[in-house]
Amino acid sequence: MPPSAPQVPTARPPSWRTLTAVGLVALSLAACQKRGRADITGSVSGPQQTSPEAWRSHADLWGARFDANPGDATAALQYAAALRALDQKPQAAAVLQQGAIRNPDHSELLAAYGKVLADVGRYKEASEVLGRAHSPERPNWRVLSTQGTVADQTGDHTLAQQYYEAALKLVPDEPSVLSNLGLSQALSKRLQEAERTLRRAAELPTADRRVRRNLALVLSLQGKLAEADSVLKRDLTPEEAAAVMADLRGLVSQPNSWAAIKRADSKAKAAN
């Protein structure tokens, strides 16, 4: 018999308490991170060259098709992906909202809409939309992982980790999910557990620089600055690594590192 599908956690109403420190990867690391495709479903492709000019051409092409037929789910997905890549996330949300109204059962469109709602801080709506993007019978690991990040954003780290664990039942060695889980564990102040999870993620051949930067952050929070510096230098130039380490040293020197993380996260979100 085939293995049973993982149980999708039932979302609880968010507490809306103050964010503790979600998105630890942000800090000033975001300044060094190259932008890539903005897609959680894995099927929306963008231009081969992801320059702003290429994305603008992509937006012009699919925007015209969307304007001609707002019910075209493919046009909505492609146009919204281009808008997100161009940092026009509220506009992307508006496009996907129109598409979702006209295609209420289109799981891929709902998943993308939920993701962009989370991008713009509309977490309650994101949770509701993502909950409709898949089902316990046909779970989508990318949607589960995104539901976890939304729960983390609202401070419900226990629920977030349930989502990540459910996703990992589908993709046990997916570094992006392991990375999200590790950060959530760090937000729960379980740093040693977070380090183990992030080391596991970073050792996978498919891990990217974001995973290793998350590991460097958790190492820094434990005072392992030399090791964090070594991890960063796998992907960054010595000058870039030094700049990031300066931020991390400033972070861990604060009397309340968790409050400092919150401030750094808010600053990074404003920059994005």
Protein backbone atom coordinates (compact mmCIF):
# COMPACT_ATOMS: atom_id res chain seq x y z
CA MET A 1 0.00 0.00 0.00
CA PRO A 2 1.27 3.52 -0.70
CA PRO A 3 2.34 5.54 2.33
CA SER A 4 -0.34 7.75 3.76
CA ALA A 5 -0.12 11.46 3.04
CA PRO A 6 1.19 13.65 5.85
CA GLN A 7 -1.46 15.38 7.86
CA VAL A 8 -1.72 19.05 7.01
CA PRO A 9 -1.74 21.06 10.24
CA THR A 10 -4.93 22.89 11.00
CA ALA A 11 -4.17 26.58 11.17
CA ARG A 12 -5.06 28.33 14.39
CA PRO A 13 -6.03 31.99 14.38
CA PRO A 14 -2.80 34.02 14.59
CA SER A 15 -2.12 35.66 17.91
CA TRP A 16 -0.98 38.87 16.22
CA ARG A 17 1.54 39.41 18.98
CA THR A 18 4.64 41.43 18.20
CA LEU A 19 7.01 39.69 15.81
CA THR A 20 9.98 38.28 17.64
CA ALA A 21 12.49 37.98 14.85
CA VAL A 22 11.12 36.30 11.76
CA GLY A 23 13.24 36.11 8.67
CA LEU A 24 16.57 35.90 10.41
CA VAL A 25 18.21 35.44 7.06
CA ALA A 26 17.38 39.03 6.25
CA LEU A 27 19.76 41.24 8.26
CA SER A 28 22.19 42.79 5.82
CA LEU A 29 22.56 39.47 4.05
CA ALA A 30 19.71 40.52 1.80
CA ALA A 31 21.93 43.20 0.35
CA CYS A 32 24.28 40.54 -0.99
CA GLN A 33 21.62 38.13 -2.20
CA LYS A 34 20.82 38.07 -5.91
CA ARG A 35 17.18 38.07 -6.80
CA GLY A 36 15.84 35.01 -8.53
CA ARG A 37 12.51 33.69 -9.65
CA ALA A 38 9.62 34.53 -7.40
CA ASP A 39 7.62 31.31 -7.43
CA ILE A 40 6.59 28.76 -4.82
CA THR A 41 4.87 26.28 -7.06
CA GLY A 42 7.89 25.41 -9.14
CA SER A 43 6.13 25.63 -12.50
CA VAL A 44 6.07 29.33 -13.36
CA SER A 45 9.09 30.04 -15.53
CA GLY A 46 10.53 33.46 -16.19
CA PRO A 47 12.97 34.89 -18.72
CA GLN A 48 16.28 33.12 -19.13
CA GLN A 49 18.14 36.32 -18.27
CA THR A 50 16.74 37.69 -15.04
CA SER A 51 17.80 41.29 -15.59
CA PRO A 52 15.30 44.05 -14.83
CA GLU A 53 15.00 44.70 -18.54
CA ALA A 54 14.13 41.05 -19.24
CA TRP A 55 11.54 41.04 -16.47
CA ARG A 56 10.02 44.28 -17.76
CA SER A 57 9.66 42.73 -21.20
CA HIS A 58 8.11 39.67 -19.58
CA ALA A 59 5.70 41.92 -17.67
CA ASP A 60 4.74 43.82 -20.82
CA LEU A 61 4.05 40.60 -22.72
CA TRP A 62 1.98 38.87 -20.06
CA GLY A 63 0.43 42.07 -18.76
CA ALA A 64 -1.16 42.65 -22.17
CA ARG A 65 -2.49 39.10 -22.21
CA PHE A 66 -3.83 39.46 -18.69
CA ASP A 67 -5.54 42.76 -19.49
CA ALA A 68 -7.20 41.12 -22.49
CA ASN A 69 -8.42 38.20 -20.35
CA PRO A 70 -8.13 38.52 -16.54
CA GLY A 71 -9.50 34.98 -16.25
CA ASP A 72 -6.41 33.50 -17.94
CA ALA A 73 -4.66 31.80 -15.03
CA THR A 74 -1.39 31.37 -16.91
CA ALA A 75 -1.29 35.05 -17.80
CA ALA A 76 -2.02 36.01 -14.19
CA LEU A 77 0.77 33.76 -12.88
CA GLN A 78 3.33 34.95 -15.41
CA TYR A 79 2.47 38.62 -15.06
CA ALA A 80 2.51 38.42 -11.26
CA ALA A 81 5.88 36.61 -11.29
CA ALA A 82 7.35 39.44 -13.35
CA LEU A 83 5.86 42.09 -11.07
CA ARG A 84 7.28 40.36 -7.99
CA ALA A 85 10.71 40.14 -9.63
CA LEU A 86 10.47 43.90 -10.27
CA ASP A 87 9.58 44.53 -6.59
CA GLN A 88 6.02 45.49 -7.44
CA LYS A 89 4.52 43.08 -4.96
CA PRO A 90 1.28 44.96 -4.17
CA GLN A 91 0.54 45.08 -7.89
CA ALA A 92 1.30 41.35 -8.14
CA ALA A 93 -1.15 40.72 -5.31
CA ALA A 94 -3.85 42.67 -7.15
CA VAL A 95 -3.28 40.65 -10.33
CA LEU A 96 -3.41 37.34 -8.51
CA GLN A 97 -6.49 38.42 -6.60
CA GLN A 98 -8.33 38.96 -9.87
CA GLY A 99 -7.08 35.65 -11.17
CA ALA A 100 -8.13 33.83 -8.00
CA ILE A 101 -11.62 35.32 -8.10
CA ARG A 102 -12.06 33.96 -11.59
CA ASN A 103 -10.33 30.64 -10.86
CA PRO A 104 -11.30 29.80 -7.25
CA ASP A 105 -10.13 26.17 -7.50
CA HIS A 106 -6.82 26.76 -9.29
CA SER A 107 -4.31 25.47 -6.73
CA GLU A 108 -1.22 26.91 -8.40
CA LEU A 109 -2.75 30.35 -8.64
CA LEU A 110 -3.94 30.23 -5.04
CA ALA A 111 -0.47 29.17 -3.90
CA ALA A 112 1.15 32.10 -5.69
CA TYR A 113 -1.49 34.49 -4.36
CA GLY A 114 -0.95 33.30 -0.80
CA LYS A 115 2.78 33.73 -1.16
CA VAL A 116 2.56 37.30 -2.39
CA LEU A 117 0.06 38.18 0.35
CA ALA A 118 2.67 37.03 2.84
CA ASP A 119 5.29 39.11 1.00
CA VAL A 120 3.27 42.27 1.59
CA GLY A 121 2.49 41.46 5.23
CA ARG A 122 -1.14 40.41 4.83
CA TYR A 123 -0.59 37.29 6.90
CA LYS A 124 -4.14 36.50 7.94
CA GLU A 125 -5.32 36.59 4.33
CA ALA A 126 -2.25 34.62 3.24
CA SER A 127 -3.04 31.87 5.73
CA GLU A 128 -6.62 31.62 4.50
CA VAL A 129 -5.64 31.51 0.82
CA LEU A 130 -2.81 29.02 1.31
CA GLY A 131 -5.18 26.76 3.21
CA ARG A 132 -7.26 26.52 0.04
CA ALA A 133 -4.26 25.93 -2.24
CA HIS A 134 -4.00 22.24 -1.38
CA SER A 135 -5.66 19.55 0.74
CA PRO A 136 -4.63 16.83 3.20
CA GLU A 137 -5.28 14.31 0.44
CA ARG A 138 -3.02 16.14 -2.02
CA PRO A 139 -0.53 18.18 0.01
CA ASN A 140 1.95 20.49 -1.68
CA TRP A 141 5.28 20.73 0.14
CA ARG A 142 6.00 24.23 -1.17
CA VAL A 143 2.66 25.47 0.10
CA LEU A 144 3.23 23.76 3.45
CA SER A 145 6.60 25.47 3.77
CA THR A 146 5.06 28.84 2.92
CA GLN A 147 2.32 28.24 5.47
CA GLY A 148 5.11 27.67 7.97
CA THR A 149 6.74 30.99 7.17
CA VAL A 150 3.40 32.76 7.57
CA ALA A 151 2.93 31.13 10.99
CA ASP A 152 6.45 32.20 11.95
CA GLN A 153 5.65 35.74 10.86
CA THR A 154 2.71 35.82 13.25
CA GLY A 155 4.83 34.41 16.07
CA ASP A 156 3.28 30.94 16.13
CA HIS A 157 6.51 28.96 15.88
CA THR A 158 4.95 25.74 17.12
CA LEU A 159 2.44 25.73 14.27
CA ALA A 160 5.16 26.79 11.82
CA GLN A 161 7.31 23.81 12.75
CA GLN A 162 4.35 21.48 12.28
CA TYR A 163 4.03 22.76 8.72
CA TYR A 164 7.74 22.30 8.03
CA GLU A 165 7.69 18.77 9.46
CA ALA A 166 4.69 17.94 7.26
CA ALA A 167 6.57 19.28 4.22
CA LEU A 168 9.64 17.23 5.12
CA LYS A 169 7.58 14.06 5.09
CA LEU A 170 7.08 14.75 1.39
CA VAL A 171 10.64 15.97 0.66
CA PRO A 172 12.91 14.75 3.47
CA ASP A 173 16.10 16.29 2.07
CA GLU A 174 14.80 19.62 0.78
CA PRO A 175 17.31 22.19 2.09
CA SER A 176 14.94 25.17 1.83
CA VAL A 177 12.42 23.51 4.16
CA LEU A 178 15.14 22.38 6.56
CA SER A 179 16.48 25.93 6.53
CA ASN A 180 13.05 27.35 7.38
CA LEU A 181 12.70 24.78 10.17
CA GLY A 182 16.10 25.70 11.56
CA LEU A 183 15.27 29.38 11.63
CA SER A 184 11.96 28.65 13.31
CA GLN A 185 13.78 26.64 15.96
CA ALA A 186 16.14 29.57 16.45
CA LEU A 187 13.16 31.89 16.89
CA SER A 188 11.99 29.48 19.57
CA LYS A 189 15.42 30.02 21.21
CA ARG A 190 16.44 26.39 20.63
CA LEU A 191 19.75 27.35 19.11
CA GLN A 192 21.57 24.03 19.39
CA GLU A 193 18.68 22.25 17.71
CA ALA A 194 18.57 24.98 15.06
CA GLU A 195 22.28 24.53 14.40
CA ARG A 196 21.88 20.79 13.91
CA THR A 197 19.01 21.31 11.49
CA LEU A 198 20.86 23.95 9.50
CA ARG A 199 24.04 21.88 9.36
CA ARG A 200 22.01 19.04 7.92
CA ALA A 201 20.57 21.43 5.33
CA ALA A 202 23.94 22.99 4.47
CA GLU A 203 25.56 19.59 3.90
CA LEU A 204 23.09 18.70 1.15
CA PRO A 205 24.48 19.11 -2.37
CA THR A 206 21.44 21.14 -3.41
CA ALA A 207 21.82 23.70 -0.60
CA ASP A 208 22.37 27.27 -1.75
CA ARG A 209 24.03 30.26 -0.18
CA ARG A 210 20.90 31.28 1.73
CA VAL A 211 21.00 28.05 3.70
CA ARG A 212 24.65 28.59 4.61
CA ARG A 213 23.96 32.20 5.60
CA ASN A 214 21.21 31.05 7.92
CA LEU A 215 23.67 28.61 9.48
CA ALA A 216 26.20 31.41 9.89
CA LEU A 217 23.61 33.52 11.69
CA VAL A 218 22.70 30.77 14.15
CA LEU A 219 26.39 30.08 14.78
CA SER A 220 26.89 33.78 15.50
CA LEU A 221 24.03 33.83 17.96
CA GLN A 222 25.91 31.15 19.91
CA GLY A 223 29.14 33.11 19.83
CA LYS A 224 30.77 30.87 17.20
CA LEU A 225 31.92 33.82 15.13
CA ALA A 226 35.04 32.27 13.61
CA GLU A 227 33.03 29.32 12.35
CA ALA A 228 30.31 31.62 11.04
CA ASP A 229 32.95 33.61 9.15
CA SER A 230 34.27 30.40 7.58
CA VAL A 231 30.78 29.42 6.44
CA LEU A 232 30.14 32.82 4.88
CA LYS A 233 33.41 32.78 2.94
CA ARG A 234 32.20 29.77 0.99
CA ASP A 235 29.95 32.11 -0.99
CA LEU A 236 31.12 35.67 -0.39
CA THR A 237 34.26 37.64 -1.13
CA PRO A 238 36.41 38.45 1.91
CA GLU A 239 35.07 42.01 1.83
CA GLU A 240 31.43 40.89 1.68
CA ALA A 241 31.98 38.33 4.43
CA ALA A 242 33.64 40.96 6.61
CA ALA A 243 30.69 43.31 6.18
CA VAL A 244 28.20 40.60 7.13
CA MET A 245 30.30 39.53 10.10
CA ALA A 246 30.43 43.11 11.32
CA ASP A 247 26.64 43.14 11.40
CA LEU A 248 26.53 39.79 13.16
CA ARG A 249 29.05 40.89 15.79
CA GLY A 250 26.99 43.99 16.43
CA LEU A 251 23.89 41.82 16.75
CA VAL A 252 25.26 39.38 19.29
CA SER A 253 26.85 42.18 21.34
CA GLN A 254 23.42 43.66 22.10
CA PRO A 255 22.06 43.06 25.63
CA ASN A 256 18.94 41.60 24.04
CA SER A 257 19.97 39.88 20.81
CA TRP A 258 16.38 38.87 20.04
CA ALA A 259 15.18 42.46 20.09
CA ALA A 260 18.13 43.40 17.87
CA ILE A 261 17.16 40.69 15.40
CA LYS A 262 13.65 42.09 15.30
CA ARG A 263 14.98 45.56 14.49
CA ALA A 264 17.30 44.18 11.81
CA ASP A 265 14.44 42.17 10.30
CA SER A 266 12.18 45.23 10.16
CA LYS A 267 14.94 47.24 8.48
CA ALA A 268 15.52 44.52 5.89
CA LYS A 269 11.80 44.27 5.12
CA ALA A 270 11.62 48.03 4.60
CA ALA A 271 14.54 47.81 2.17
CA ASN A 272 12.79 45.06 0.24
